[in-house]
Amino acid sequence: MPLDPQVEAMRAERQARAVPQLYTQTLAEARAADLASIQEAGGQAEPVHHVEDLFTDAGLPLRLYRPDLAGPLPTLIYFFGGGWTLGSIDTADGITRRLANAVPCQVITVGYRLAPEHPFPTAVHDCHDATQWIAAQADKLQVDPARLVVGGDSAGGNLAAATTLLARDKGPALAGQLLVYPNTRYGANTPSMLSGDDPHLFNKTSVGWYWDHYLTDALDGLDPLASPLLALSHEDLPPALVITAEYDPLRDEGEFYAEKLHAAGVPTTLSRYDGMVHGFFAMAGILDGGRRATAEAAAWLSRTFSHG
C-alpha cells in the first residue's frame, strides 16, 4: 500500500523544511537533532507513578518506571534505538512511560555506551551486564525474576536479540523479547534495503552510516552478537514479538529473524505495519500507527507476563 497519509504529511513537512539527514551532521549535531525529533513526535510524556534514576554497580545509568502496583513486578528491560551511535535514556522516555502504564508493568531503561567512542561489542555487553545486574537486584528493585522481558527499537531491538543469545548461555532466564524493527544482519542486501533510498526518510545510507560507526572491522558484522540472524542456533530463546514497518530498509531482516525464531520452535508473533516507516513506534504523538503498535506491544507484554 502507499505511505500512510500521516506519514506522507510528515515526510512532506520534512521536505518543505529541508530537514537535514542525521548522517550529514556531526555526531554532536545528530545526537541533539535525533532527541529533539523524537521528543517532538512522541507527544506529551505520560506521568508514571514512580520514576527513578539509578546506576548499576559498574556505573551504567538506568531509569526505572514503576506503576502504582505492589511488587514483585513484571519488568521490561528496554534498550533505546539510535543506531548504537545516537540515543540515550531520554530517547526512549516516551515509549517506556506509555508501556509502563499500558501493560501495566515496571520498565527499566539501560543507558548503554555509544559508538564510535565505544564500538561493538561494548553496547551488547553493557545491555547483558545490566540485565544480569537487574535480575540479581530483584528484591531491591521489586522485580519478579520469572517475569523478565528484554526489548528495544531499531538498534535497541538488535541489542535485545543479542542479549537473549547471551542470556541463553549465561543467564538470566528471560520470559520474552520485544523486537521493534530490529537490525539483525550486517550488510543485508534485501529487497527492502535496496529500495530504501528515500532522501527524506530513514534510508539505506542511514543504515550504513550507523554500522560504520558501530563496527571497527567489517568482519565483526559476522559475529552473531552484531548480526543475530547469523547465530548458529535460535533454539531455546524466549518468545518474541517482532514489529516491522512496510517502508523500512530493515523490514526484511526483521521478518527473516522472526522466521528464524519460528523455525527454531520459538513462539513468535510477527506484525508488519503497512504504510509505516522506520521510527514510527516512537512517533505516537503524530502517527496513529505508532499508537496502535504501542497498544499491540502492551497487550503482548501483558499476555507474556501472565504466563511467567
Protein backbone atom coordinates (compact mmCIF):
# COMPACT_ATOMS: atom_id res chain seq x y z
CA MET A 1 0.00 0.00 0.00
CA PRO A 2 1.15 3.63 -0.32
CA LEU A 3 2.64 5.59 2.53
CA ASP A 4 0.15 6.18 5.30
CA PRO A 5 -1.37 9.69 4.86
CA GLN A 6 0.01 10.80 8.24
CA VAL A 7 3.47 9.56 7.26
CA GLU A 8 3.17 11.29 3.90
CA ALA A 9 2.31 14.56 5.66
CA MET A 10 5.32 14.15 7.97
CA ARG A 11 7.57 13.46 5.01
CA ALA A 12 6.23 16.49 3.10
CA GLU A 13 6.87 18.71 6.09
CA ARG A 14 10.46 17.47 6.38
CA GLN A 15 10.97 18.14 2.69
CA ALA A 16 9.46 21.64 2.93
CA ARG A 17 11.65 22.48 5.93
CA ALA A 18 14.72 20.94 4.27
CA VAL A 19 15.41 18.93 7.41
CA PRO A 20 18.95 17.57 7.02
CA GLN A 21 19.55 13.83 7.31
CA LEU A 22 21.31 12.88 10.52
CA TYR A 23 24.17 11.31 8.55
CA THR A 24 25.03 14.73 7.08
CA GLN A 25 25.64 16.23 10.53
CA THR A 26 28.39 16.00 13.10
CA LEU A 27 27.85 13.44 15.85
CA ALA A 28 27.01 16.14 18.38
CA GLU A 29 24.53 17.75 16.00
CA ALA A 30 22.97 14.42 15.06
CA ARG A 31 22.58 13.35 18.69
CA ALA A 32 20.84 16.60 19.60
CA ALA A 33 18.65 16.57 16.48
CA ASP A 34 17.65 12.93 16.99
CA LEU A 35 16.50 13.54 20.55
CA ALA A 36 14.63 16.73 19.62
CA SER A 37 12.85 15.00 16.73
CA ILE A 38 11.78 12.03 18.86
CA GLN A 39 10.53 14.24 21.67
CA GLU A 40 8.55 16.35 19.20
CA ALA A 41 6.93 13.34 17.50
CA GLY A 42 6.38 11.40 20.71
CA GLY A 43 3.75 13.73 22.12
CA GLN A 44 3.32 14.76 25.73
CA ALA A 45 5.08 12.45 28.19
CA GLU A 46 2.69 10.43 30.32
CA PRO A 47 3.06 10.66 34.09
CA VAL A 48 4.13 7.43 35.79
CA HIS A 49 3.65 6.73 39.50
CA HIS A 50 7.37 6.41 40.31
CA VAL A 51 10.35 7.34 38.12
CA GLU A 52 13.88 6.95 39.45
CA ASP A 53 17.38 7.27 38.01
CA LEU A 54 19.97 4.84 39.36
CA PHE A 55 23.22 3.11 38.43
CA THR A 56 24.46 -0.44 38.23
CA ASP A 57 27.49 -1.40 40.29
CA ALA A 58 29.54 -0.95 37.11
CA GLY A 59 28.26 2.62 36.75
CA LEU A 60 25.79 2.18 33.89
CA PRO A 61 22.84 4.56 34.20
CA LEU A 62 19.32 3.14 34.41
CA ARG A 63 15.90 4.73 34.62
CA LEU A 64 13.13 2.87 36.40
CA TYR A 65 9.42 3.45 35.71
CA ARG A 66 7.11 1.83 38.24
CA PRO A 67 3.31 1.97 38.08
CA ASP A 68 1.23 2.04 41.26
CA LEU A 69 1.31 -1.72 41.80
CA ALA A 70 2.52 -3.97 44.57
CA GLY A 71 5.68 -5.93 43.82
CA PRO A 72 7.30 -8.12 42.81
CA LEU A 73 6.53 -6.71 39.38
CA PRO A 74 6.75 -7.99 35.83
CA THR A 75 9.60 -6.00 34.31
CA LEU A 76 10.59 -4.95 30.81
CA ILE A 77 14.26 -4.05 30.36
CA TYR A 78 14.33 -1.63 27.44
CA PHE A 79 17.21 -0.65 25.14
CA PHE A 80 16.78 2.60 23.20
CA GLY A 81 17.33 3.00 19.46
CA GLY A 82 19.72 5.27 17.61
CA GLY A 83 21.98 3.04 15.56
CA TRP A 84 24.27 2.34 18.54
CA THR A 85 25.57 5.86 17.84
CA LEU A 86 22.75 8.22 18.84
CA GLY A 87 20.19 7.99 21.59
CA SER A 88 20.00 7.95 25.36
CA ILE A 89 17.66 7.02 28.16
CA ASP A 90 15.75 10.20 27.32
CA THR A 91 15.25 8.96 23.74
CA ALA A 92 13.07 6.10 24.98
CA ASP A 93 11.32 8.07 27.72
CA GLY A 94 8.02 8.45 25.86
CA ILE A 95 7.91 4.79 24.81
CA THR A 96 8.74 3.45 28.24
CA ARG A 97 6.24 5.66 30.03
CA ARG A 98 3.45 4.54 27.69
CA LEU A 99 4.32 0.86 28.08
CA ALA A 100 4.66 1.06 31.87
CA ASN A 101 1.13 2.46 32.10
CA ALA A 102 -0.50 0.39 29.36
CA VAL A 103 0.69 -3.10 30.35
CA PRO A 104 0.98 -2.21 33.32
CA CYS A 105 4.49 -3.27 34.28
CA GLN A 106 7.77 -1.94 35.54
CA VAL A 107 10.13 -0.73 32.83
CA ILE A 108 13.85 -0.18 33.27
CA THR A 109 15.82 1.57 30.52
CA VAL A 110 19.56 0.90 30.17
CA GLY A 111 21.98 3.70 29.29
CA TYR A 112 24.48 1.60 27.35
CA ARG A 113 27.60 3.23 25.96
CA LEU A 114 27.59 4.57 22.40
CA ALA A 115 29.79 4.12 19.34
CA PRO A 116 32.11 5.25 17.91
CA GLU A 117 33.57 6.11 21.30
CA HIS A 118 32.68 2.60 22.47
CA PRO A 119 32.36 0.35 19.40
CA PHE A 120 30.99 -3.19 19.14
CA PRO A 121 30.70 -5.27 21.29
CA THR A 122 30.57 -2.74 24.15
CA ALA A 123 26.85 -1.99 23.84
CA VAL A 124 25.90 -5.69 23.75
CA HIS A 125 27.84 -6.48 26.89
CA ASP A 126 26.56 -3.36 28.63
CA CYS A 127 22.99 -4.49 27.95
CA HIS A 128 23.58 -8.07 29.05
CA ASP A 129 25.54 -7.00 32.14
CA ALA A 130 22.73 -4.61 33.11
CA THR A 131 20.17 -7.37 32.58
CA GLN A 132 22.13 -9.70 34.86
CA TRP A 133 22.51 -6.94 37.47
CA ILE A 134 18.78 -6.14 37.44
CA ALA A 135 17.94 -9.83 37.90
CA ALA A 136 20.42 -10.08 40.78
CA GLN A 137 18.85 -7.00 42.40
CA ALA A 138 15.32 -8.39 42.04
CA ASP A 139 14.34 -7.93 45.66
CA LYS A 140 15.66 -4.38 45.88
CA LEU A 141 14.12 -3.33 42.56
CA GLN A 142 10.81 -5.18 43.11
CA VAL A 143 11.44 -7.31 40.03
CA ASP A 144 9.71 -10.65 39.56
CA PRO A 145 12.60 -12.69 38.07
CA ALA A 146 10.15 -15.14 36.50
CA ARG A 147 8.59 -12.28 34.51
CA LEU A 148 11.56 -10.53 32.97
CA VAL A 149 11.47 -9.42 29.30
CA VAL A 150 14.02 -7.53 27.20
CA GLY A 151 13.07 -5.23 24.35
CA GLY A 152 14.07 -2.32 22.21
CA ASP A 153 13.55 -0.49 18.94
CA SER A 154 15.93 -0.45 15.96
CA ALA A 155 19.47 -0.81 17.35
CA GLY A 156 17.79 -1.42 20.70
CA GLY A 157 15.96 -4.34 19.12
CA ASN A 158 19.29 -5.63 17.82
CA LEU A 159 20.73 -5.38 21.33
CA ALA A 160 17.70 -7.12 22.83
CA ALA A 161 18.09 -10.02 20.38
CA ALA A 162 21.82 -10.24 21.11
CA THR A 163 21.13 -10.13 24.85
CA THR A 164 18.83 -13.14 24.56
CA LEU A 165 21.64 -15.07 22.86
CA LEU A 166 23.99 -14.30 25.76
CA ALA A 167 21.32 -14.89 28.38
CA ARG A 168 20.52 -18.32 26.93
CA ASP A 169 24.01 -19.47 27.97
CA LYS A 170 24.87 -17.15 30.85
CA GLY A 171 21.51 -16.11 32.31
CA PRO A 172 19.31 -14.65 33.48
CA ALA A 173 16.23 -16.56 32.37
CA LEU A 174 14.04 -14.35 30.19
CA ALA A 175 10.30 -14.61 29.58
CA GLY A 176 10.21 -12.77 26.28
CA GLN A 177 11.78 -10.41 23.76
CA LEU A 178 10.12 -7.37 22.17
CA LEU A 179 11.90 -6.52 18.92
CA VAL A 180 10.73 -3.38 17.13
CA TYR A 181 12.14 -3.05 13.58
CA PRO A 182 15.46 -4.58 14.67
CA ASN A 183 18.73 -4.67 12.76
CA THR A 184 19.56 -8.37 12.50
CA ARG A 185 22.12 -8.67 9.68
CA TYR A 186 25.11 -6.50 8.84
CA GLY A 187 25.40 -5.89 5.10
CA ALA A 188 21.85 -7.07 4.41
CA ASN A 189 21.18 -6.97 0.67
CA THR A 190 17.42 -7.45 0.89
CA PRO A 191 14.68 -6.01 -1.34
CA SER A 192 13.59 -3.62 1.42
CA MET A 193 17.18 -2.41 1.84
CA LEU A 194 17.77 -1.97 -1.88
CA SER A 195 14.57 0.04 -2.28
CA GLY A 196 15.09 2.09 0.87
CA ASP A 197 16.56 5.20 -0.74
CA ASP A 198 14.05 7.95 0.10
CA PRO A 199 16.11 11.09 0.83
CA HIS A 200 13.57 12.40 3.35
CA LEU A 201 13.19 9.24 5.42
CA PHE A 202 15.44 6.77 7.22
CA ASN A 203 17.14 5.01 4.32
CA LYS A 204 19.90 2.58 3.37
CA THR A 205 22.50 5.36 3.68
CA SER A 206 21.34 5.87 7.27
CA VAL A 207 21.80 2.15 7.92
CA GLY A 208 25.32 2.13 6.52
CA TRP A 209 26.27 5.26 8.49
CA TYR A 210 25.27 3.62 11.77
CA TRP A 211 27.05 0.36 11.04
CA ASP A 212 30.19 2.27 10.07
CA HIS A 213 30.22 3.93 13.49
CA TYR A 214 29.42 0.72 15.38
CA LEU A 215 31.93 -1.69 13.83
CA THR A 216 35.69 -1.17 13.78
CA ASP A 217 36.10 -4.04 11.30
CA ALA A 218 33.58 -5.33 8.77
CA LEU A 219 34.37 -8.88 9.91
CA ASP A 220 32.80 -8.02 13.25
CA GLY A 221 29.50 -7.83 11.39
CA LEU A 222 29.60 -11.63 11.04
CA ASP A 223 29.51 -12.06 14.81
CA PRO A 224 26.01 -13.17 15.92
CA LEU A 225 26.13 -10.55 18.67
CA ALA A 226 26.22 -7.94 15.89
CA SER A 227 24.06 -9.90 13.44
CA PRO A 228 21.70 -12.15 15.45
CA LEU A 229 20.32 -13.59 12.21
CA LEU A 230 23.67 -15.38 11.81
CA ALA A 231 23.53 -17.26 15.12
CA LEU A 232 24.17 -20.97 14.66
CA SER A 233 21.05 -21.77 16.66
CA HIS A 234 17.96 -19.83 17.67
CA GLU A 235 16.56 -22.66 19.76
CA ASP A 236 15.62 -22.12 23.41
CA LEU A 237 15.28 -18.37 23.03
CA PRO A 238 12.35 -16.61 24.74
CA PRO A 239 9.02 -15.92 22.99
CA ALA A 240 9.14 -12.91 20.67
CA LEU A 241 7.04 -10.14 19.24
CA VAL A 242 8.69 -8.70 16.12
CA ILE A 243 7.22 -5.44 14.79
CA THR A 244 8.21 -4.19 11.33
CA ALA A 245 7.27 -1.29 9.06
CA GLU A 246 6.45 -1.64 5.36
CA TYR A 247 8.65 1.27 4.21
CA ASP A 248 11.70 0.47 6.31
CA PRO A 249 15.04 -0.70 4.90
CA LEU A 250 15.26 -3.04 7.93
CA ARG A 251 11.87 -4.64 7.25
CA ASP A 252 13.07 -7.81 5.57
CA GLU A 253 15.84 -8.66 8.02
CA GLY A 254 13.42 -8.19 10.92
CA GLU A 255 10.94 -10.51 9.25
CA PHE A 256 13.67 -13.03 8.38
CA TYR A 257 14.60 -13.06 12.05
CA ALA A 258 11.01 -13.77 13.05
CA GLU A 259 11.02 -16.66 10.57
CA LYS A 260 14.28 -17.99 12.05
CA LEU A 261 12.84 -17.88 15.56
CA HIS A 262 9.65 -19.61 14.47
CA ALA A 263 11.58 -22.33 12.63
CA ALA A 264 13.61 -22.94 15.80
CA GLY A 265 10.45 -23.54 17.79
CA VAL A 266 10.34 -20.16 19.49
CA PRO A 267 6.77 -18.84 19.92
CA THR A 268 6.91 -15.79 17.66
CA THR A 269 4.44 -13.14 16.58
CA LEU A 270 5.33 -11.06 13.52
CA SER A 271 3.40 -7.86 12.96
CA ARG A 272 4.04 -5.67 9.91
CA TYR A 273 2.55 -2.16 9.88
CA ASP A 274 1.65 -1.26 6.33
CA GLY A 275 2.27 2.32 5.26
CA MET A 276 4.62 2.93 8.18
CA VAL A 277 8.30 3.89 8.19
CA HIS A 278 11.27 3.27 10.44
CA GLY A 279 10.90 5.10 13.72
CA PHE A 280 7.09 5.09 13.80
CA PHE A 281 6.98 3.29 17.16
CA ALA A 282 8.44 6.41 18.79
CA MET A 283 6.01 8.74 16.97
CA ALA A 284 2.81 8.04 18.88
CA GLY A 285 2.22 11.76 19.21
CA ILE A 286 1.67 12.20 15.47
CA LEU A 287 1.06 8.72 14.00
CA ASP A 288 -1.94 6.54 14.71
CA GLY A 289 0.24 3.61 13.64
CA GLY A 290 2.63 4.36 16.48
CA ARG A 291 -0.23 4.30 18.96
CA ARG A 292 -1.55 1.01 17.55
CA ALA A 293 1.88 -0.59 17.73
CA THR A 294 2.32 0.56 21.32
CA ALA A 295 -1.05 -0.96 22.19
CA GLU A 296 -0.10 -4.22 20.47
CA ALA A 297 3.23 -4.35 22.30
CA ALA A 298 1.48 -3.67 25.61
CA ALA A 299 -1.09 -6.41 25.01
CA TRP A 300 1.64 -8.90 24.04
CA LEU A 301 3.66 -8.00 27.13
CA SER A 302 0.61 -8.43 29.33
CA ARG A 303 -0.03 -11.90 27.90
CA THR A 304 3.64 -12.85 28.16
CA PHE A 305 3.85 -11.74 31.78
CA SER A 306 0.69 -13.66 32.63
CA HIS A 307 2.47 -16.85 31.58
CA GLY A 308 5.55 -16.13 33.70
